[in-house]
Amino acid sequence: MPKSVQDTLKEIKKKKFHPVYVLHGDEPYFLDKISEQIEANALNEADKGFNQYILYGKDLSVPTLLSYAKRYPMMSERQLVLVKEAQGIAGLEQKEMQVQLEYYAKNPLQSTILVLCFKDSVDERKAWVKAFDQQGAVISSKKMYDNKIPDWVIEYCHEQGVKISPKAVQMLVENVGNDLKRLASEIDKIIINLRVDEEINAAVVEKFVGISKEYNYFEYQKALIQKDVVKANQIINFFASNPKDNPLAPIVLLLFNFFSKVLLAHTQSDKSEKGIASALGINPFFAKDYLASMRQYSLPKVLQIIHDIKQLELQAKGIEANSSTDAERLKELTFRILH
């Protein structure tokens, strides 16, 4: 049975290693974390020179890979063979090559730690993958749902020993996006600059993540919630004057995700803060934004807004496109939302 990311990391921390690993999936952050921890802990520094092989799939065939795996370590308890971008291994799709991998996995050299890191998902039904699972560990990492990202940010900060305010969480997620590696990097950058026992709050995020205090995605959404026409137009004019730092795609995604949740909130029988938070899978702190939006935007209006957002997205992709610029499209969409 495939192992979880957390269980695998705990094993590595205790220096318990399997002879074979397959790391795969569409969320690279967790897979990179596992491979980095294996690389850091499998061998001591003195043994790495002769017993650690960091390879790339494009440079390997299955027989060449297995020749590395079947070597014995030099003056060490074990050796590490870690293959990045394993999907590029020549012959990996051929049945006879898969049989060779399966045979090795069923009888792996116990002094070798063989780690195959894939940039995409592998078919866990294949015999060779099942063999890796039976004798070692197969870890799949799926892309995290957007509504789970805020909780992940809170948990990551907790693991680093710092507190973070709900508004700071929202600002990070909405301005950095759902790239966990980049989120972790931005949080690490903030932590380095924090004073002892200082909390990550909105002001700290603005300062160290490079978000404009007045003109950012968070304030744009807030202006739409409040139907503050002047403020919303000031912000989109700022976006238009700084297109490199404020591309259209993340703004469209932000709007679609937000109004999709407003639509879902409209359909709930329990419209209390607790009920909305539960239905949307969000921190109760954010529920008041959706309740405010429901008062400002009726269900038919929300449906029209979502339709307009999808139309803008198609235009931005060159489908049903006209001669308008991204700035003009966002300006028109903002007008249609607010009126």
Protein backbone atom coordinates (compact mmCIF):
# COMPACT_ATOMS: atom_id res chain seq x y z
CA MET A 1 0.00 0.00 0.00
CA PRO A 2 1.44 3.42 -0.99
CA LYS A 3 2.88 5.31 1.96
CA SER A 4 1.95 8.85 2.98
CA VAL A 5 4.36 11.75 2.70
CA GLN A 6 4.37 12.38 6.45
CA ASP A 7 4.99 8.72 7.36
CA THR A 8 7.87 8.58 4.90
CA LEU A 9 9.45 11.76 6.29
CA LYS A 10 9.19 10.37 9.83
CA GLU A 11 10.95 7.18 8.72
CA ILE A 12 13.74 9.15 7.07
CA LYS A 13 14.19 11.28 10.18
CA LYS A 14 14.71 8.04 12.15
CA LYS A 15 17.14 6.90 9.41
CA LYS A 16 14.88 4.03 8.41
CA PHE A 17 15.28 3.55 4.67
CA HIS A 18 13.74 1.25 2.09
CA PRO A 19 15.84 -0.33 -0.68
CA VAL A 20 13.55 1.08 -3.40
CA TYR A 21 11.36 4.18 -3.73
CA VAL A 22 9.05 5.59 -6.39
CA LEU A 23 8.08 9.24 -5.86
CA HIS A 24 5.45 10.50 -8.28
CA GLY A 25 2.48 12.86 -8.72
CA ASP A 26 1.59 16.38 -9.78
CA GLU A 27 2.57 18.20 -6.55
CA PRO A 28 6.39 18.44 -6.65
CA TYR A 29 6.78 20.20 -3.28
CA PHE A 30 6.28 17.09 -1.12
CA LEU A 31 8.20 14.80 -3.47
CA ASP A 32 11.15 17.21 -3.54
CA LYS A 33 11.04 17.36 0.25
CA ILE A 34 11.29 13.56 0.51
CA SER A 35 14.12 13.27 -2.02
CA GLU A 36 16.01 16.13 -0.34
CA GLN A 37 15.66 14.46 3.06
CA ILE A 38 16.83 11.10 1.70
CA GLU A 39 19.82 12.81 0.11
CA ALA A 40 20.62 14.65 3.35
CA ASN A 41 20.25 11.66 5.69
CA ALA A 42 21.07 8.44 3.81
CA LEU A 43 24.86 8.88 3.98
CA ASN A 44 27.25 10.86 6.11
CA GLU A 45 29.40 13.46 4.36
CA ALA A 46 32.49 11.25 4.32
CA ASP A 47 30.68 8.48 2.42
CA LYS A 48 28.96 10.65 -0.18
CA GLY A 49 31.98 11.05 -2.44
CA PHE A 50 32.11 7.37 -3.43
CA ASN A 51 28.60 6.13 -2.64
CA GLN A 52 26.12 8.80 -3.71
CA TYR A 53 24.91 9.02 -7.31
CA ILE A 54 22.52 11.82 -8.30
CA LEU A 55 21.41 11.00 -11.83
CA TYR A 56 18.91 12.26 -14.42
CA GLY A 57 16.50 10.06 -16.33
CA LYS A 58 17.44 11.51 -19.72
CA ASP A 59 20.99 10.22 -19.23
CA LEU A 60 19.94 6.67 -18.36
CA SER A 61 18.50 3.49 -19.79
CA VAL A 62 16.93 0.81 -17.58
CA PRO A 63 20.01 -1.49 -17.85
CA THR A 64 22.35 1.40 -16.98
CA LEU A 65 20.18 2.33 -14.00
CA LEU A 66 20.22 -1.25 -12.73
CA SER A 67 24.00 -1.43 -13.12
CA TYR A 68 24.25 1.46 -10.65
CA ALA A 69 21.75 -0.16 -8.29
CA LYS A 70 23.60 -3.50 -8.25
CA ARG A 71 26.95 -2.02 -7.25
CA TYR A 72 28.23 -2.56 -3.73
CA PRO A 73 29.14 0.45 -1.60
CA MET A 74 32.78 1.35 -1.02
CA MET A 75 33.78 1.32 2.64
CA SER A 76 30.24 2.21 3.66
CA GLU A 77 27.10 0.49 4.91
CA ARG A 78 25.07 1.63 1.93
CA GLN A 79 25.00 3.62 -1.30
CA LEU A 80 22.37 6.03 -2.64
CA VAL A 81 21.20 6.07 -6.27
CA LEU A 82 18.74 8.94 -6.71
CA VAL A 83 17.26 9.53 -10.16
CA LYS A 84 15.60 12.88 -10.89
CA GLU A 85 13.08 13.23 -13.74
CA ALA A 86 12.87 9.45 -13.94
CA GLN A 87 10.15 9.67 -16.60
CA GLY A 88 13.00 10.33 -19.06
CA ILE A 89 14.68 6.93 -18.56
CA ALA A 90 15.10 5.31 -21.97
CA GLY A 91 13.04 2.15 -22.43
CA LEU A 92 10.88 2.70 -19.37
CA GLU A 93 7.70 2.11 -21.38
CA GLN A 94 8.93 -1.14 -22.87
CA LYS A 95 7.52 -4.32 -21.36
CA GLU A 96 10.86 -6.15 -21.24
CA MET A 97 12.50 -3.21 -19.45
CA GLN A 98 9.65 -3.05 -16.94
CA VAL A 99 10.17 -6.77 -16.27
CA GLN A 100 13.83 -6.04 -15.44
CA LEU A 101 12.77 -3.31 -12.99
CA GLU A 102 10.20 -5.62 -11.45
CA TYR A 103 12.74 -8.40 -11.03
CA TYR A 104 15.22 -6.05 -9.34
CA ALA A 105 12.54 -4.61 -7.05
CA LYS A 106 11.56 -8.10 -5.90
CA ASN A 107 15.20 -8.87 -5.05
CA PRO A 108 16.79 -5.47 -4.32
CA LEU A 109 20.33 -5.10 -3.07
CA GLN A 110 19.84 -4.21 0.58
CA SER A 111 22.94 -2.00 0.62
CA THR A 112 21.47 0.23 -2.12
CA ILE A 113 18.79 2.91 -1.70
CA LEU A 114 17.29 3.37 -5.17
CA VAL A 115 15.02 6.40 -5.51
CA LEU A 116 13.10 7.14 -8.73
CA CYS A 117 11.62 10.68 -8.78
CA PHE A 118 8.97 11.31 -11.44
CA LYS A 119 7.68 14.70 -12.55
CA ASP A 120 4.25 13.24 -13.23
CA SER A 121 2.07 10.33 -12.12
CA VAL A 122 2.93 6.69 -12.80
CA ASP A 123 0.42 3.88 -13.18
CA GLU A 124 0.44 2.12 -9.80
CA ARG A 125 -1.27 -0.88 -11.37
CA LYS A 126 1.87 -1.82 -13.31
CA ALA A 127 3.67 -4.89 -12.02
CA TRP A 128 7.02 -3.14 -11.58
CA VAL A 129 5.43 -0.34 -9.52
CA LYS A 130 3.63 -2.91 -7.36
CA ALA A 131 6.97 -4.64 -6.80
CA PHE A 132 8.53 -1.35 -5.65
CA ASP A 133 5.59 -0.90 -3.30
CA GLN A 134 5.89 -4.41 -1.84
CA GLN A 135 9.63 -4.20 -1.19
CA GLY A 136 9.93 -0.47 -0.56
CA ALA A 137 7.80 2.65 -0.80
CA VAL A 138 5.63 4.21 -3.50
CA ILE A 139 4.64 7.76 -2.58
CA SER A 140 2.09 9.71 -4.61
CA SER A 141 1.68 13.46 -4.11
CA LYS A 142 -1.45 15.01 -5.57
CA LYS A 143 -2.03 18.70 -6.18
CA MET A 144 -3.61 20.25 -3.13
CA TYR A 145 -7.12 21.68 -3.49
CA ASP A 146 -7.15 25.48 -3.29
CA ASN A 147 -9.39 25.48 -0.21
CA LYS A 148 -6.75 23.43 1.65
CA ILE A 149 -3.90 25.87 0.94
CA PRO A 150 -4.67 28.28 3.84
CA ASP A 151 -4.59 25.42 6.37
CA TRP A 152 -1.30 24.24 4.86
CA VAL A 153 0.17 27.74 5.29
CA ILE A 154 -0.91 27.79 8.95
CA GLU A 155 0.54 24.31 9.52
CA TYR A 156 3.82 25.20 7.77
CA CYS A 157 4.21 28.29 9.95
CA HIS A 158 3.42 26.22 13.05
CA GLU A 159 6.14 23.74 12.07
CA GLN A 160 8.59 26.66 11.85
CA GLY A 161 7.54 27.84 15.30
CA VAL A 162 5.79 31.07 14.27
CA LYS A 163 2.22 32.31 14.44
CA ILE A 164 0.42 33.84 11.47
CA SER A 165 -2.73 35.96 11.44
CA PRO A 166 -5.74 34.94 9.31
CA LYS A 167 -5.42 38.08 7.17
CA ALA A 168 -1.74 37.35 6.52
CA VAL A 169 -2.68 33.81 5.44
CA GLN A 170 -5.25 35.15 3.01
CA MET A 171 -2.84 37.73 1.59
CA LEU A 172 -0.12 35.13 1.04
CA VAL A 173 -2.46 32.67 -0.68
CA GLU A 174 -4.13 35.26 -2.88
CA ASN A 175 -0.94 37.06 -3.89
CA VAL A 176 1.52 34.17 -4.12
CA GLY A 177 -0.93 31.53 -5.36
CA ASN A 178 -1.09 27.76 -4.85
CA ASP A 179 2.56 27.00 -5.62
CA LEU A 180 3.59 25.36 -2.32
CA LYS A 181 7.31 25.67 -3.03
CA ARG A 182 7.01 29.41 -3.64
CA LEU A 183 4.73 29.84 -0.62
CA ALA A 184 7.25 28.03 1.58
CA SER A 185 10.05 30.17 0.16
CA GLU A 186 8.15 33.42 0.86
CA ILE A 187 7.31 32.28 4.41
CA ASP A 188 10.96 31.33 5.02
CA LYS A 189 12.02 34.77 3.78
CA ILE A 190 9.60 36.41 6.19
CA ILE A 191 10.71 34.26 9.15
CA ILE A 192 14.38 35.18 8.62
CA ASN A 193 13.42 38.83 9.03
CA LEU A 194 11.09 38.41 12.03
CA ARG A 195 11.98 39.52 15.53
CA VAL A 196 11.87 36.91 18.29
CA ASP A 197 8.24 35.99 19.11
CA GLU A 198 6.92 38.29 16.35
CA GLU A 199 3.78 37.12 14.53
CA ILE A 200 3.43 37.12 10.76
CA ASN A 201 0.70 39.70 10.19
CA ALA A 202 -0.58 41.64 7.18
CA ALA A 203 1.99 44.43 7.59
CA VAL A 204 4.85 41.92 7.67
CA VAL A 205 3.58 40.19 4.51
CA GLU A 206 3.27 43.54 2.73
CA LYS A 207 6.82 44.45 3.72
CA PHE A 208 8.66 41.25 2.85
CA VAL A 209 6.61 39.72 0.03
CA GLY A 210 6.61 42.94 -1.95
CA ILE A 211 2.86 43.49 -1.96
CA SER A 212 1.66 47.06 -2.36
CA LYS A 213 -0.13 48.15 0.82
CA GLU A 214 -3.03 49.72 -1.07
CA TYR A 215 -2.98 48.16 -4.51
CA ASN A 216 -2.98 44.36 -4.38
CA TYR A 217 -5.28 41.41 -5.12
CA PHE A 218 -6.49 41.31 -1.53
CA GLU A 219 -7.55 44.98 -1.55
CA TYR A 220 -9.09 44.57 -5.02
CA GLN A 221 -11.28 41.73 -3.79
CA LYS A 222 -12.15 43.74 -0.68
CA ALA A 223 -13.22 46.69 -2.86
CA LEU A 224 -15.48 44.39 -4.89
CA ILE A 225 -17.03 42.93 -1.73
CA GLN A 226 -17.78 46.42 -0.45
CA LYS A 227 -18.80 47.67 -3.93
CA ASP A 228 -16.28 50.47 -3.52
CA VAL A 229 -16.24 51.67 -7.14
CA VAL A 230 -13.57 54.33 -6.65
CA LYS A 231 -11.14 52.04 -4.84
CA ALA A 232 -11.65 49.16 -7.27
CA ASN A 233 -10.88 51.42 -10.24
CA GLN A 234 -7.81 52.89 -8.53
CA ILE A 235 -6.46 49.38 -8.04
CA ILE A 236 -7.10 48.16 -11.60
CA ASN A 237 -5.48 51.35 -12.94
CA PHE A 238 -2.45 50.52 -10.79
CA PHE A 239 -2.48 46.96 -12.18
CA ALA A 240 -2.63 48.38 -15.72
CA SER A 241 0.39 50.59 -15.06
CA ASN A 242 2.35 47.62 -13.66
CA PRO A 243 1.35 44.70 -15.92
CA LYS A 244 4.55 42.72 -15.34
CA ASP A 245 3.94 42.55 -11.58
CA ASN A 246 0.18 42.14 -11.94
CA PRO A 247 -0.57 39.73 -14.81
CA LEU A 248 -4.18 39.09 -15.74
CA ALA A 249 -4.27 35.29 -15.25
CA PRO A 250 -3.88 35.23 -11.42
CA ILE A 251 -6.49 37.99 -11.07
CA VAL A 252 -8.99 36.05 -13.18
CA LEU A 253 -8.33 32.90 -11.15
CA LEU A 254 -8.79 34.84 -7.91
CA LEU A 255 -12.13 36.23 -9.10
CA PHE A 256 -13.38 32.88 -10.37
CA ASN A 257 -12.48 31.06 -7.15
CA PHE A 258 -14.02 33.76 -4.99
CA PHE A 259 -17.32 34.13 -6.83
CA SER A 260 -17.62 30.34 -7.23
CA LYS A 261 -17.56 30.15 -3.44
CA VAL A 262 -20.09 32.99 -3.18
CA LEU A 263 -22.33 30.96 -5.50
CA LEU A 264 -21.93 27.89 -3.29
CA ALA A 265 -22.63 29.96 -0.19
CA HIS A 266 -25.90 31.20 -1.74
CA THR A 267 -27.11 27.60 -2.01
CA GLN A 268 -26.54 26.72 1.66
CA SER A 269 -29.45 26.40 4.08
CA ASP A 270 -27.22 27.31 7.04
CA LYS A 271 -26.00 30.81 6.29
CA SER A 272 -24.33 31.44 9.64
CA GLU A 273 -20.58 32.12 9.69
CA LYS A 274 -20.00 28.60 11.02
CA GLY A 275 -22.28 27.04 8.39
CA ILE A 276 -20.66 28.92 5.50
CA ALA A 277 -17.15 28.12 6.76
CA SER A 278 -18.02 24.43 6.98
CA ALA A 279 -19.66 24.33 3.54
CA LEU A 280 -16.78 26.14 1.81
CA GLY A 281 -14.02 24.40 3.75
CA ILE A 282 -12.52 27.69 4.92
CA ASN A 283 -11.35 29.25 8.16
CA PRO A 284 -14.38 30.84 9.94
CA PHE A 285 -12.46 34.15 9.91
CA PHE A 286 -13.06 34.41 6.15
CA ALA A 287 -16.76 33.51 6.26
CA LYS A 288 -17.80 37.11 6.87
CA ASP A 289 -16.42 38.11 3.44
CA TYR A 290 -18.74 35.63 1.76
CA LEU A 291 -21.72 36.70 3.86
CA ALA A 292 -21.03 40.33 2.91
CA SER A 293 -20.77 39.37 -0.76
CA MET A 294 -24.08 37.50 -0.62
CA ARG A 295 -25.73 40.70 0.62
CA GLN A 296 -24.16 42.74 -2.17
CA TYR A 297 -24.57 40.23 -5.01
CA SER A 298 -27.74 38.25 -5.59
CA LEU A 299 -27.63 34.68 -6.89
CA PRO A 300 -28.54 35.73 -10.48
CA LYS A 301 -25.88 38.45 -10.34
CA VAL A 302 -23.24 35.97 -9.16
CA LEU A 303 -24.13 33.64 -12.05
CA GLN A 304 -23.74 36.54 -14.48
CA ILE A 305 -20.37 37.48 -12.94
CA ILE A 306 -19.04 33.92 -13.27
CA HIS A 307 -20.19 33.87 -16.91
CA ASP A 308 -18.37 37.18 -17.54
CA ILE A 309 -15.20 35.88 -15.89
CA LYS A 310 -15.23 32.79 -18.11
CA GLN A 311 -15.71 34.99 -21.16
CA LEU A 312 -12.71 37.10 -20.18
CA GLU A 313 -10.65 33.95 -19.65
CA LEU A 314 -11.51 32.73 -23.16
CA GLN A 315 -10.58 36.11 -24.64
CA ALA A 316 -7.27 36.12 -22.77
CA LYS A 317 -6.52 32.69 -24.30
CA GLY A 318 -7.26 34.02 -27.79
CA ILE A 319 -10.69 32.39 -28.05
CA GLU A 320 -13.49 34.80 -28.99
CA ALA A 321 -10.79 37.45 -28.71
CA ASN A 322 -11.16 41.08 -29.71
CA SER A 323 -8.59 43.85 -29.96
CA SER A 324 -8.86 44.82 -26.28
CA THR A 325 -5.79 44.76 -24.04
CA ASP A 326 -5.69 42.82 -20.78
CA ALA A 327 -6.05 46.08 -18.87
CA GLU A 328 -9.15 47.06 -20.88
CA ARG A 329 -10.68 43.60 -20.36
CA LEU A 330 -10.17 43.76 -16.60
CA LYS A 331 -11.60 47.29 -16.52
CA GLU A 332 -14.71 46.14 -18.41
CA LEU A 333 -15.11 43.07 -16.16
CA THR A 334 -14.80 45.21 -13.03
CA PHE A 335 -17.50 47.54 -14.35
CA ARG A 336 -19.84 44.61 -15.06
CA ILE A 337 -19.26 43.19 -11.59
CA LEU A 338 -19.97 46.45 -9.80
CA HIS A 339 -22.98 47.59 -11.87
